[in-house]
Amino acid sequence: MLRVLVIRCYEAEGNRAKAVEIYHVLRELLAAELGTVPSAETEALYRHALA
């Protein structure tokens, strides 16, 4: 998914705040449009960005 790549890029740049922001957008879209949650890999990226 493109947004996961964007999260990775922001984190690689050191922009963790933007990575977290994109994660929240992704989470909202998945819930609203598909009734699901982010994958375990995406959750791990999010937790790493928060660290």
N, C-alpha and C. Protein backbone atom coordinates (compact mmCIF):
# COMPACT_ATOMS: atom_id res chain seq x y z
N MET A 1 0.85 -1.18 0.00
CA MET A 1 0.00 0.00 0.00
C MET A 1 0.89 1.24 0.00
N LEU A 2 0.52 2.20 -0.79
CA LEU A 2 1.32 3.40 -0.97
C LEU A 2 1.55 4.16 0.33
N ARG A 3 0.53 4.26 1.16
CA ARG A 3 0.69 5.02 2.40
C ARG A 3 1.72 4.39 3.34
N VAL A 4 1.83 3.08 3.31
CA VAL A 4 2.83 2.40 4.14
C VAL A 4 4.23 2.81 3.66
N LEU A 5 4.42 2.90 2.36
CA LEU A 5 5.70 3.35 1.83
C LEU A 5 5.98 4.79 2.23
N VAL A 6 4.95 5.62 2.23
CA VAL A 6 5.11 7.01 2.64
C VAL A 6 5.52 7.07 4.12
N ILE A 7 4.91 6.25 4.95
CA ILE A 7 5.28 6.20 6.37
C ILE A 7 6.75 5.83 6.49
N ARG A 8 7.18 4.83 5.74
CA ARG A 8 8.59 4.40 5.78
C ARG A 8 9.52 5.53 5.35
N CYS A 9 9.15 6.24 4.32
CA CYS A 9 9.99 7.34 3.82
C CYS A 9 10.11 8.45 4.85
N TYR A 10 9.00 8.85 5.43
CA TYR A 10 9.06 9.91 6.45
C TYR A 10 9.91 9.47 7.63
N GLU A 11 9.75 8.24 8.04
CA GLU A 11 10.56 7.76 9.16
C GLU A 11 12.04 7.72 8.80
N ALA A 12 12.35 7.30 7.59
CA ALA A 12 13.75 7.25 7.14
C ALA A 12 14.37 8.65 7.13
N GLU A 13 13.54 9.65 6.83
CA GLU A 13 14.01 11.04 6.84
C GLU A 13 14.14 11.59 8.25
N GLY A 14 13.61 10.86 9.21
CA GLY A 14 13.61 11.34 10.59
C GLY A 14 12.40 12.17 10.95
N ASN A 15 11.41 12.20 10.06
CA ASN A 15 10.20 12.97 10.32
C ASN A 15 9.13 12.04 10.90
N ARG A 16 9.34 11.68 12.14
CA ARG A 16 8.43 10.73 12.79
C ARG A 16 7.03 11.30 12.99
N ALA A 17 6.93 12.59 13.24
CA ALA A 17 5.61 13.20 13.43
C ALA A 17 4.75 13.03 12.18
N LYS A 18 5.35 13.24 11.02
CA LYS A 18 4.60 13.09 9.77
C LYS A 18 4.27 11.62 9.51
N ALA A 19 5.18 10.71 9.87
CA ALA A 19 4.93 9.28 9.73
C ALA A 19 3.71 8.88 10.57
N VAL A 20 3.65 9.38 11.79
CA VAL A 20 2.52 9.07 12.68
C VAL A 20 1.23 9.67 12.11
N GLU A 21 1.31 10.87 11.58
CA GLU A 21 0.13 11.51 10.99
C GLU A 21 -0.42 10.68 9.83
N ILE A 22 0.46 10.21 8.96
CA ILE A 22 0.02 9.40 7.82
C ILE A 22 -0.56 8.08 8.30
N TYR A 23 0.02 7.50 9.33
CA TYR A 23 -0.52 6.26 9.89
C TYR A 23 -1.98 6.48 10.33
N HIS A 24 -2.24 7.58 11.01
CA HIS A 24 -3.61 7.83 11.49
C HIS A 24 -4.58 8.02 10.32
N VAL A 25 -4.13 8.66 9.26
CA VAL A 25 -4.97 8.80 8.06
C VAL A 25 -5.25 7.41 7.48
N LEU A 26 -4.21 6.59 7.38
CA LEU A 26 -4.38 5.24 6.86
C LEU A 26 -5.35 4.44 7.71
N ARG A 27 -5.19 4.50 9.01
CA ARG A 27 -6.06 3.76 9.92
C ARG A 27 -7.52 4.18 9.75
N GLU A 28 -7.77 5.48 9.65
CA GLU A 28 -9.14 5.97 9.46
C GLU A 28 -9.72 5.49 8.13
N LEU A 29 -8.93 5.55 7.06
CA LEU A 29 -9.41 5.10 5.75
C LEU A 29 -9.73 3.61 5.74
N LEU A 30 -8.85 2.82 6.32
CA LEU A 30 -9.11 1.38 6.36
C LEU A 30 -10.38 1.06 7.14
N ALA A 31 -10.57 1.74 8.25
CA ALA A 31 -11.77 1.50 9.06
C ALA A 31 -13.03 1.94 8.31
N ALA A 32 -13.00 3.12 7.74
CA ALA A 32 -14.18 3.67 7.09
C ALA A 32 -14.54 2.95 5.79
N GLU A 33 -13.54 2.64 4.98
CA GLU A 33 -13.81 2.10 3.66
C GLU A 33 -13.83 0.57 3.60
N LEU A 34 -13.07 -0.07 4.48
CA LEU A 34 -12.97 -1.52 4.40
C LEU A 34 -13.37 -2.24 5.68
N GLY A 35 -13.59 -1.48 6.75
CA GLY A 35 -13.97 -2.10 8.01
C GLY A 35 -12.87 -2.96 8.61
N THR A 36 -11.62 -2.55 8.41
CA THR A 36 -10.49 -3.33 8.89
C THR A 36 -9.46 -2.43 9.58
N VAL A 37 -8.40 -3.02 10.04
CA VAL A 37 -7.34 -2.29 10.72
C VAL A 37 -6.02 -2.50 9.96
N PRO A 38 -5.01 -1.68 10.24
CA PRO A 38 -3.72 -1.86 9.58
C PRO A 38 -3.10 -3.22 9.89
N SER A 39 -2.24 -3.67 8.99
CA SER A 39 -1.55 -4.95 9.17
C SER A 39 -0.59 -4.88 10.35
N ALA A 40 -0.13 -6.05 10.77
CA ALA A 40 0.84 -6.12 11.87
C ALA A 40 2.12 -5.37 11.49
N GLU A 41 2.54 -5.47 10.24
CA GLU A 41 3.73 -4.76 9.77
C GLU A 41 3.55 -3.24 9.90
N THR A 42 2.38 -2.76 9.52
CA THR A 42 2.10 -1.32 9.60
C THR A 42 2.03 -0.87 11.05
N GLU A 43 1.44 -1.69 11.90
CA GLU A 43 1.40 -1.37 13.33
C GLU A 43 2.82 -1.28 13.91
N ALA A 44 3.69 -2.18 13.45
CA ALA A 44 5.08 -2.16 13.92
C ALA A 44 5.78 -0.87 13.47
N LEU A 45 5.54 -0.44 12.25
CA LEU A 45 6.10 0.83 11.77
C LEU A 45 5.62 1.99 12.64
N TYR A 46 4.35 1.97 12.97
CA TYR A 46 3.76 3.02 13.81
C TYR A 46 4.42 3.03 15.19
N ARG A 47 4.53 1.87 15.80
CA ARG A 47 5.16 1.80 17.14
C ARG A 47 6.60 2.28 17.09
N HIS A 48 7.30 1.94 16.02
CA HIS A 48 8.69 2.38 15.88
C HIS A 48 8.75 3.91 15.73
N ALA A 49 7.82 4.48 14.99
CA ALA A 49 7.79 5.93 14.82
C ALA A 49 7.50 6.64 16.13
N LEU A 50 6.77 5.99 17.01
CA LEU A 50 6.46 6.59 18.31
C LEU A 50 7.63 6.53 19.29
N ALA A 51 8.55 5.61 19.04
CA ALA A 51 9.67 5.39 19.97
C ALA A 51 10.68 6.52 19.93
